[in-house]
Amino acid sequence: MAGTITIRKVETKRDRKVFVDVPFGLYRDDPHWVPPLKTEALGLITPEKNGWFSHAKAQLFLAEENDRVVGRISAHIDTLALTMPAEQGFGPGVGQWGLMEAESEPVFQALLAAAEDWLRAQGMTRMLGPISMSIWEEPGLLIEGYDHAPTIMMGHARPEYRDWVARSGQVPVKRLMTCEVDVTRQFPPIVQRIIKSGEKNPRIVIREVDKSRFEDEAAIILAILNDAWSSNWGSCPDAPEIKDVGVKLKPIVFNDLIRIAEVDGKPVAFMITLPDLNEAIKPLRGSLLPFGWAKLLLWLRKPKVKTVRVPLMGVVRELQSSRMASQLAFMMIEYIRRSASQDYGATRAEIGWILDDNQGMRSIAETIESRMNKVYQVYEKTL
């Protein structure tokens, strides 16, 4: 029987643990949900463990009904996002919401209302979400592609949320897509010709990263990223959490799955590919105890996966929209495809996120004959 819904603030360590536990109950019967490691999920919402809090603040909320926790949400403000031009998605007066989970629509709406009230009280005039919690983590609500598990650092959601958020007064503002491609087969002849042409060009070098020089290589990639994505929707250049994410992902960085393209000796493009860690952590049900840590360490020595994910690619702005940019992209994709298939056992790759208006990346995805497999939606509402 439905009861009175109470929304309260998360204030203690115990509250944070309860907050992390919420999706474990809601998704226990969903075969496609991947339980996060609880220690990682706690780190995300703990200011001392997440560099994002150095330029942001958040208020977490729990929903209770009949003495049971039935939902959660975060409301947050990113000071870097406030300084961005409005045409890039954020800007002055824009707060965000995320980490939403709810057992029913009344709970969902009550949680969104609490987030709205908190953001309004902080002087915000518009809310954007879901963004959990940094734009570099899990932006967008899954609205298509519920029939298979998310890959590493990708969100999952109950199908009902799509209608619930629409009835809350939120309106769609930006779509992000992922595409999947079979990596066991060669790309079309036109792509092979472009690659061979690049291989004959002495100005071009496509090299593997050197994990033994992790900080140096990360700095090169970050410099290209900040330049390449500086005008992209939602991008917050120089956000400290990008470095945090890099350090967190270091155990699944493998030299042959990450490439840097150089032209005349200058790094101008990169492509990051990760083995799908979700395949390894899904059976652990959120805990490394008692023997999950040993299984994970064994897997990390030389992962064998069905899927790899390409979370990031970038080409410096001076080359964007040029023939050279496409050529470098195809060369990196092909070299990584070979390694993913031959050395890691992968049969598919997932590329994304891809902004719906990123015509260059969509064209590349189309040319290698990938297909869209998931769509995420970001919403906004005037406060």
Protein backbone atom coordinates (compact mmCIF):
# COMPACT_ATOMS: atom_id res chain seq x y z
CA MET A 1 0.00 0.00 0.00
CA ALA A 2 1.30 3.43 -0.95
CA GLY A 3 2.11 5.76 1.90
CA THR A 4 3.42 9.26 2.42
CA ILE A 5 6.62 9.95 0.50
CA THR A 6 9.28 11.70 2.53
CA ILE A 7 12.36 13.27 0.97
CA ARG A 8 15.35 13.83 3.23
CA LYS A 9 18.91 15.03 2.75
CA VAL A 10 21.88 12.66 2.89
CA GLU A 11 23.92 13.85 5.86
CA THR A 12 25.94 10.95 7.29
CA LYS A 13 28.32 8.20 6.12
CA ARG A 14 25.55 5.70 6.75
CA ASP A 15 23.21 7.75 4.54
CA ARG A 16 25.78 7.63 1.74
CA LYS A 17 25.97 3.84 1.99
CA VAL A 18 22.18 3.65 1.83
CA PHE A 19 22.29 5.97 -1.20
CA VAL A 20 24.71 3.59 -2.96
CA ASP A 21 22.52 0.58 -2.12
CA VAL A 22 19.33 1.93 -3.73
CA PRO A 23 19.84 0.57 -7.28
CA PHE A 24 20.81 -2.87 -5.97
CA GLY A 25 17.20 -3.39 -4.93
CA LEU A 26 15.57 -1.75 -7.94
CA TYR A 27 17.60 -3.70 -10.55
CA ARG A 28 17.98 -7.07 -8.82
CA ASP A 29 15.79 -8.73 -11.48
CA ASP A 30 17.24 -6.85 -14.47
CA PRO A 31 19.62 -9.20 -16.32
CA HIS A 32 21.30 -6.30 -18.11
CA TRP A 33 22.14 -4.14 -15.09
CA VAL A 34 25.81 -4.17 -14.03
CA PRO A 35 26.21 -3.65 -10.26
CA PRO A 36 28.97 -1.11 -9.66
CA LEU A 37 31.67 -1.84 -7.12
CA LYS A 38 30.28 -0.22 -3.99
CA THR A 39 33.66 1.22 -3.01
CA GLU A 40 33.82 3.02 -6.38
CA ALA A 41 30.24 4.26 -6.08
CA LEU A 42 30.95 5.62 -2.60
CA GLY A 43 34.07 7.36 -3.87
CA LEU A 44 32.01 9.16 -6.51
CA ILE A 45 29.82 10.86 -3.87
CA THR A 46 32.53 11.42 -1.24
CA PRO A 47 34.14 14.89 -1.56
CA GLU A 48 37.52 13.74 -0.25
CA LYS A 49 37.75 11.07 -2.96
CA ASN A 50 36.44 12.84 -6.05
CA GLY A 51 38.34 15.76 -7.61
CA TRP A 52 35.08 17.04 -9.11
CA PHE A 53 34.15 18.43 -5.68
CA SER A 54 37.10 20.85 -5.87
CA HIS A 55 34.98 22.97 -8.21
CA ALA A 56 31.47 21.73 -7.44
CA LYS A 57 29.00 21.09 -4.65
CA ALA A 58 26.17 18.61 -4.37
CA GLN A 59 23.21 17.73 -2.22
CA LEU A 60 22.07 14.11 -2.18
CA PHE A 61 18.51 13.14 -1.33
CA LEU A 62 16.81 9.89 -0.30
CA ALA A 63 13.11 9.12 -0.69
CA GLU A 64 11.33 7.04 1.95
CA GLU A 65 7.87 5.49 1.95
CA ASN A 66 6.41 3.19 4.63
CA ASP A 67 9.79 3.25 6.40
CA ARG A 68 11.57 1.98 3.28
CA VAL A 69 14.10 3.77 1.08
CA VAL A 70 12.48 3.90 -2.36
CA GLY A 71 14.60 6.33 -4.34
CA ARG A 72 17.50 8.76 -4.56
CA ILE A 73 18.74 11.81 -6.52
CA SER A 74 21.61 14.30 -6.53
CA ALA A 75 21.34 18.02 -7.16
CA HIS A 76 24.63 19.71 -7.94
CA ILE A 77 26.34 22.85 -9.17
CA ASP A 78 29.60 22.85 -11.11
CA THR A 79 31.37 26.21 -10.93
CA LEU A 80 33.39 25.43 -14.09
CA ALA A 81 30.14 24.78 -15.96
CA LEU A 82 28.77 28.14 -14.79
CA THR A 83 31.57 29.94 -16.63
CA MET A 84 30.92 28.24 -19.96
CA PRO A 85 29.13 29.89 -22.89
CA ALA A 86 25.41 29.08 -22.82
CA GLU A 87 25.56 27.71 -26.38
CA GLN A 88 27.82 24.92 -25.09
CA GLY A 89 25.08 23.58 -22.87
CA PHE A 90 25.84 24.99 -19.45
CA GLY A 91 26.54 28.62 -18.53
CA PRO A 92 25.43 31.05 -15.81
CA GLY A 93 22.57 29.87 -13.61
CA VAL A 94 22.64 26.22 -14.72
CA GLY A 95 22.51 23.50 -12.08
CA GLN A 96 22.29 19.77 -12.64
CA TRP A 97 20.62 16.65 -11.32
CA GLY A 98 21.64 13.03 -11.56
CA LEU A 99 22.03 9.62 -9.91
CA MET A 100 18.25 9.31 -10.09
CA GLU A 101 16.62 6.03 -9.12
CA ALA A 102 12.99 5.61 -8.09
CA GLU A 103 10.61 2.77 -7.33
CA SER A 104 7.51 4.57 -8.66
CA GLU A 105 6.53 7.68 -10.60
CA PRO A 106 5.31 9.59 -7.51
CA VAL A 107 8.71 8.98 -5.92
CA PHE A 108 10.47 10.05 -9.12
CA GLN A 109 8.52 13.32 -9.28
CA ALA A 110 9.01 14.05 -5.58
CA LEU A 111 12.76 13.59 -5.92
CA LEU A 112 12.96 15.85 -8.98
CA ALA A 113 10.94 18.50 -7.11
CA ALA A 114 13.41 18.33 -4.21
CA ALA A 115 16.33 18.78 -6.59
CA GLU A 116 14.56 21.72 -8.25
CA ASP A 117 13.90 23.40 -4.90
CA TRP A 118 17.51 23.02 -3.78
CA LEU A 119 18.91 24.38 -7.05
CA ARG A 120 16.45 27.27 -7.01
CA ALA A 121 17.49 28.11 -3.43
CA GLN A 122 21.11 28.19 -4.63
CA GLY A 123 20.20 30.86 -7.20
CA MET A 124 20.04 28.58 -10.24
CA THR A 125 17.60 29.45 -13.02
CA ARG A 126 17.81 26.30 -15.14
CA MET A 127 18.40 22.62 -14.42
CA LEU A 128 20.07 20.10 -16.71
CA GLY A 129 20.24 16.35 -16.34
CA PRO A 130 20.68 13.62 -15.69
CA ILE A 131 24.42 14.14 -15.32
CA SER A 132 25.99 11.81 -12.78
CA MET A 133 27.81 13.78 -11.51
CA SER A 134 30.45 15.16 -13.84
CA ILE A 135 29.90 15.43 -17.59
CA TRP A 136 32.92 13.10 -17.84
CA GLU A 137 31.16 10.31 -15.95
CA GLU A 138 27.61 9.29 -16.96
CA PRO A 139 25.63 11.99 -18.78
CA GLY A 140 22.15 11.35 -20.11
CA LEU A 141 19.22 9.02 -19.48
CA LEU A 142 19.11 5.78 -21.44
CA ILE A 143 16.07 5.98 -23.74
CA GLU A 144 16.94 3.32 -26.35
CA GLY A 145 18.95 0.11 -26.01
CA TYR A 146 17.62 -1.53 -22.84
CA ASP A 147 18.10 -5.04 -24.25
CA HIS A 148 21.83 -5.42 -23.54
CA ALA A 149 24.21 -4.55 -20.75
CA PRO A 150 26.04 -1.22 -20.65
CA THR A 151 29.79 -1.19 -21.20
CA ILE A 152 32.31 0.39 -18.85
CA MET A 153 31.33 3.88 -17.63
CA MET A 154 27.95 3.75 -19.39
CA GLY A 155 24.64 4.23 -17.64
CA HIS A 156 21.61 1.94 -17.47
CA ALA A 157 18.04 2.86 -16.55
CA ARG A 158 14.55 1.49 -16.10
CA PRO A 159 12.48 1.99 -19.28
CA GLU A 160 9.75 3.73 -17.27
CA TYR A 161 12.02 6.68 -16.51
CA ARG A 162 11.70 7.99 -20.05
CA ASP A 163 7.96 8.70 -19.66
CA TRP A 164 8.30 9.82 -16.07
CA VAL A 165 10.87 12.50 -16.86
CA ALA A 166 8.79 13.73 -19.81
CA ARG A 167 5.81 14.23 -17.49
CA SER A 168 7.95 16.21 -15.06
CA GLY A 169 8.17 19.20 -17.40
CA GLN A 170 11.72 18.45 -18.49
CA VAL A 171 12.36 18.89 -22.22
CA PRO A 172 15.02 17.17 -24.38
CA VAL A 173 18.08 19.31 -25.06
CA LYS A 174 20.84 16.97 -26.29
CA ARG A 175 21.14 13.37 -27.47
CA LEU A 176 24.21 11.20 -27.08
CA MET A 177 24.56 7.94 -28.96
CA THR A 178 26.74 4.87 -28.99
CA CYS A 179 27.46 2.74 -32.04
CA GLU A 180 28.62 -0.86 -32.19
CA VAL A 181 30.78 -2.47 -34.83
CA ASP A 182 31.96 -5.99 -35.55
CA VAL A 183 35.75 -5.99 -35.02
CA THR A 184 36.30 -9.50 -36.35
CA ARG A 185 35.89 -8.37 -39.96
CA GLN A 186 37.83 -5.91 -42.05
CA PHE A 187 36.38 -2.51 -42.77
CA PRO A 188 35.02 -1.65 -46.25
CA PRO A 189 37.46 -1.29 -49.17
CA ILE A 190 37.26 2.51 -49.16
CA VAL A 191 38.50 2.56 -45.56
CA GLN A 192 41.32 0.15 -46.40
CA ARG A 193 42.42 2.41 -49.27
CA ILE A 194 42.48 5.45 -47.00
CA ILE A 195 44.55 3.54 -44.43
CA LYS A 196 47.06 2.32 -47.03
CA SER A 197 47.42 5.84 -48.37
CA GLY A 198 48.21 7.09 -44.86
CA GLU A 199 50.75 4.33 -44.32
CA LYS A 200 52.65 5.59 -47.37
CA ASN A 201 52.76 9.13 -46.00
CA PRO A 202 56.13 9.59 -44.19
CA ARG A 203 54.71 12.52 -42.22
CA ILE A 204 52.27 10.25 -40.34
CA VAL A 205 53.12 8.00 -37.40
CA ILE A 206 50.47 6.07 -35.45
CA ARG A 207 52.04 4.83 -32.26
CA GLU A 208 50.98 2.90 -29.19
CA VAL A 209 51.09 4.65 -25.83
CA ASP A 210 53.79 3.68 -23.38
CA LYS A 211 52.17 2.84 -20.03
CA SER A 212 55.57 3.01 -18.31
CA ARG A 213 55.40 6.76 -19.07
CA PHE A 214 51.79 7.04 -17.94
CA GLU A 215 51.85 10.65 -16.71
CA ASP A 216 53.65 11.93 -19.79
CA GLU A 217 51.33 10.10 -22.17
CA ALA A 218 48.27 11.22 -20.21
CA ALA A 219 49.45 14.84 -20.47
CA ILE A 220 49.76 14.53 -24.27
CA ILE A 221 46.26 13.07 -24.57
CA LEU A 222 44.80 15.67 -22.20
CA ALA A 223 46.34 18.53 -24.20
CA ILE A 224 44.81 17.20 -27.43
CA LEU A 225 41.47 16.60 -25.69
CA ASN A 226 41.28 20.11 -24.27
CA ASP A 227 42.00 21.57 -27.71
CA ALA A 228 39.82 19.21 -29.72
CA TRP A 229 36.77 19.37 -27.44
CA SER A 230 37.03 23.01 -26.38
CA SER A 231 33.91 24.06 -28.29
CA ASN A 232 31.92 20.82 -27.85
CA TRP A 233 28.57 20.83 -26.12
CA GLY A 234 29.00 20.05 -22.42
CA SER A 235 32.79 20.06 -22.44
CA CYS A 236 34.53 21.52 -19.37
CA PRO A 237 38.22 21.91 -20.30
CA ASP A 238 40.84 21.33 -17.62
CA ALA A 239 38.36 19.75 -15.20
CA PRO A 240 40.49 18.04 -12.53
CA GLU A 241 38.29 14.95 -12.47
CA ILE A 242 39.52 14.04 -15.96
CA LYS A 243 42.89 13.25 -14.39
CA ASP A 244 41.13 11.31 -11.62
CA VAL A 245 39.33 9.21 -14.21
CA GLY A 246 42.65 8.56 -15.96
CA VAL A 247 44.26 7.32 -12.76
CA LYS A 248 41.23 5.18 -11.93
CA LEU A 249 41.33 3.57 -15.37
CA LYS A 250 45.10 2.97 -15.33
CA PRO A 251 44.70 -0.76 -14.49
CA ILE A 252 42.82 -1.29 -17.76
CA VAL A 253 45.16 0.82 -19.90
CA PHE A 254 46.93 -1.40 -22.42
CA ASN A 255 49.50 0.02 -24.83
CA ASP A 256 48.07 -1.50 -28.01
CA LEU A 257 44.51 -0.32 -27.32
CA ILE A 258 45.39 3.37 -27.06
CA ARG A 259 46.99 5.17 -30.01
CA ILE A 260 48.44 8.61 -30.56
CA ALA A 261 48.75 9.99 -34.09
CA GLU A 262 51.70 12.22 -34.91
CA VAL A 263 52.16 14.41 -37.97
CA ASP A 264 55.66 15.73 -38.57
CA GLY A 265 56.56 14.51 -35.08
CA LYS A 266 53.76 16.46 -33.36
CA PRO A 267 50.93 14.65 -31.49
CA VAL A 268 47.68 15.71 -33.16
CA ALA A 269 45.13 12.97 -32.45
CA PHE A 270 44.41 10.11 -30.08
CA MET A 271 42.02 7.21 -29.60
CA ILE A 272 41.37 5.51 -26.27
CA THR A 273 39.94 1.99 -26.19
CA LEU A 274 39.21 0.04 -23.02
CA PRO A 275 38.41 -3.63 -22.49
CA ASP A 276 34.92 -3.86 -21.05
CA LEU A 277 35.57 -4.07 -17.31
CA ASN A 278 31.83 -4.53 -16.75
CA GLU A 279 32.16 -8.09 -18.02
CA ALA A 280 34.52 -8.82 -15.13
CA ILE A 281 32.71 -6.94 -12.35
CA LYS A 282 29.12 -7.97 -13.14
CA PRO A 283 29.43 -11.37 -11.41
CA LEU A 284 30.92 -9.72 -8.29
CA ARG A 285 27.56 -8.13 -7.35
CA GLY A 286 29.21 -4.94 -6.12
CA SER A 287 31.77 -6.43 -3.74
CA LEU A 288 35.39 -7.52 -4.01
CA LEU A 289 34.95 -9.78 -0.96
CA PRO A 290 35.66 -12.52 -0.23
CA PHE A 291 37.44 -13.57 -3.44
CA GLY A 292 36.30 -11.00 -5.99
CA TRP A 293 39.56 -9.07 -5.70
CA ALA A 294 41.56 -12.15 -6.71
CA LYS A 295 39.32 -12.84 -9.70
CA LEU A 296 39.59 -9.22 -10.81
CA LEU A 297 43.37 -9.12 -10.46
CA LEU A 298 43.65 -12.29 -12.52
CA TRP A 299 41.41 -10.79 -15.22
CA LEU A 300 43.45 -7.58 -15.30
CA ARG A 301 46.68 -9.44 -16.12
CA LYS A 302 45.44 -10.12 -19.66
CA PRO A 303 41.73 -9.52 -20.17
CA LYS A 304 39.69 -11.59 -22.58
CA VAL A 305 36.46 -9.79 -23.47
CA LYS A 306 33.60 -9.81 -25.92
CA THR A 307 33.50 -6.02 -26.09
CA VAL A 308 35.86 -3.07 -26.06
CA ARG A 309 34.68 0.51 -25.68
CA VAL A 310 36.00 3.65 -27.34
CA PRO A 311 35.07 6.43 -24.88
CA LEU A 312 37.25 9.17 -26.35
CA MET A 313 38.77 10.25 -29.64
CA GLY A 314 40.12 13.65 -30.52
CA VAL A 315 41.86 15.57 -33.30
CA VAL A 316 43.35 19.02 -32.77
CA ARG A 317 41.15 21.84 -34.05
CA GLU A 318 43.52 22.93 -36.82
CA LEU A 319 43.00 19.57 -38.54
CA GLN A 320 39.31 19.10 -37.86
CA SER A 321 37.13 18.85 -40.98
CA SER A 322 40.23 18.04 -43.02
CA ARG A 323 40.89 14.90 -45.03
CA MET A 324 43.90 14.28 -42.80
CA ALA A 325 41.68 14.10 -39.70
CA SER A 326 39.54 11.32 -41.19
CA GLN A 327 42.61 9.46 -42.37
CA LEU A 328 44.21 9.53 -38.93
CA ALA A 329 40.93 8.37 -37.35
CA PHE A 330 40.57 5.42 -39.73
CA MET A 331 44.20 4.40 -39.18
CA MET A 332 43.86 4.44 -35.39
CA ILE A 333 40.55 2.58 -35.54
CA GLU A 334 41.98 -0.12 -37.81
CA TYR A 335 45.14 -0.71 -35.77
CA ILE A 336 43.13 -0.95 -32.54
CA ARG A 337 40.56 -3.20 -34.23
CA ARG A 338 43.28 -5.71 -35.05
CA SER A 339 44.67 -5.70 -31.51
CA ALA A 340 41.23 -5.92 -29.89
CA SER A 341 40.27 -8.94 -31.97
CA GLN A 342 43.57 -10.80 -32.07
CA ASP A 343 44.94 -10.14 -28.58
CA TYR A 344 41.85 -9.64 -26.40
CA GLY A 345 39.30 -11.89 -28.12
CA ALA A 346 36.86 -9.02 -28.72
CA THR A 347 34.12 -9.48 -31.29
CA ARG A 348 32.53 -6.04 -31.01
CA ALA A 349 33.45 -2.47 -30.17
CA GLU A 350 31.19 0.22 -28.82
CA ILE A 351 31.98 3.80 -29.83
CA GLY A 352 30.56 6.62 -27.78
CA TRP A 353 29.33 8.85 -26.61
CA ILE A 354 28.71 10.58 -29.95
CA LEU A 355 26.82 13.88 -29.83
CA ASP A 356 23.84 13.86 -32.19
CA ASP A 357 25.21 16.91 -34.03
CA ASN A 358 28.78 15.61 -34.35
CA GLN A 359 28.60 15.04 -38.07
CA GLY A 360 32.29 14.20 -38.44
CA MET A 361 32.19 11.35 -35.92
CA ARG A 362 28.82 10.13 -37.19
CA SER A 363 30.24 10.01 -40.71
CA ILE A 364 33.22 7.95 -39.55
CA ALA A 365 30.93 5.56 -37.68
CA GLU A 366 28.78 5.20 -40.78
CA THR A 367 31.74 4.56 -43.06
CA ILE A 368 33.03 1.67 -40.94
CA GLU A 369 29.48 0.23 -41.06
CA SER A 370 28.70 0.51 -37.37
CA ARG A 371 25.12 0.71 -36.14
CA MET A 372 23.53 2.77 -33.39
CA ASN A 373 22.81 0.58 -30.35
CA LYS A 374 22.06 2.98 -27.48
CA VAL A 375 20.69 6.51 -27.13
CA TYR A 376 20.97 8.72 -24.05
CA GLN A 377 18.99 11.94 -23.57
CA VAL A 378 19.86 15.03 -21.55
CA TYR A 379 16.91 17.20 -20.45
CA GLU A 380 16.50 20.75 -19.21
CA LYS A 381 13.92 22.79 -17.32
CA THR A 382 13.61 26.47 -16.46
CA LEU A 383 13.37 26.99 -12.71
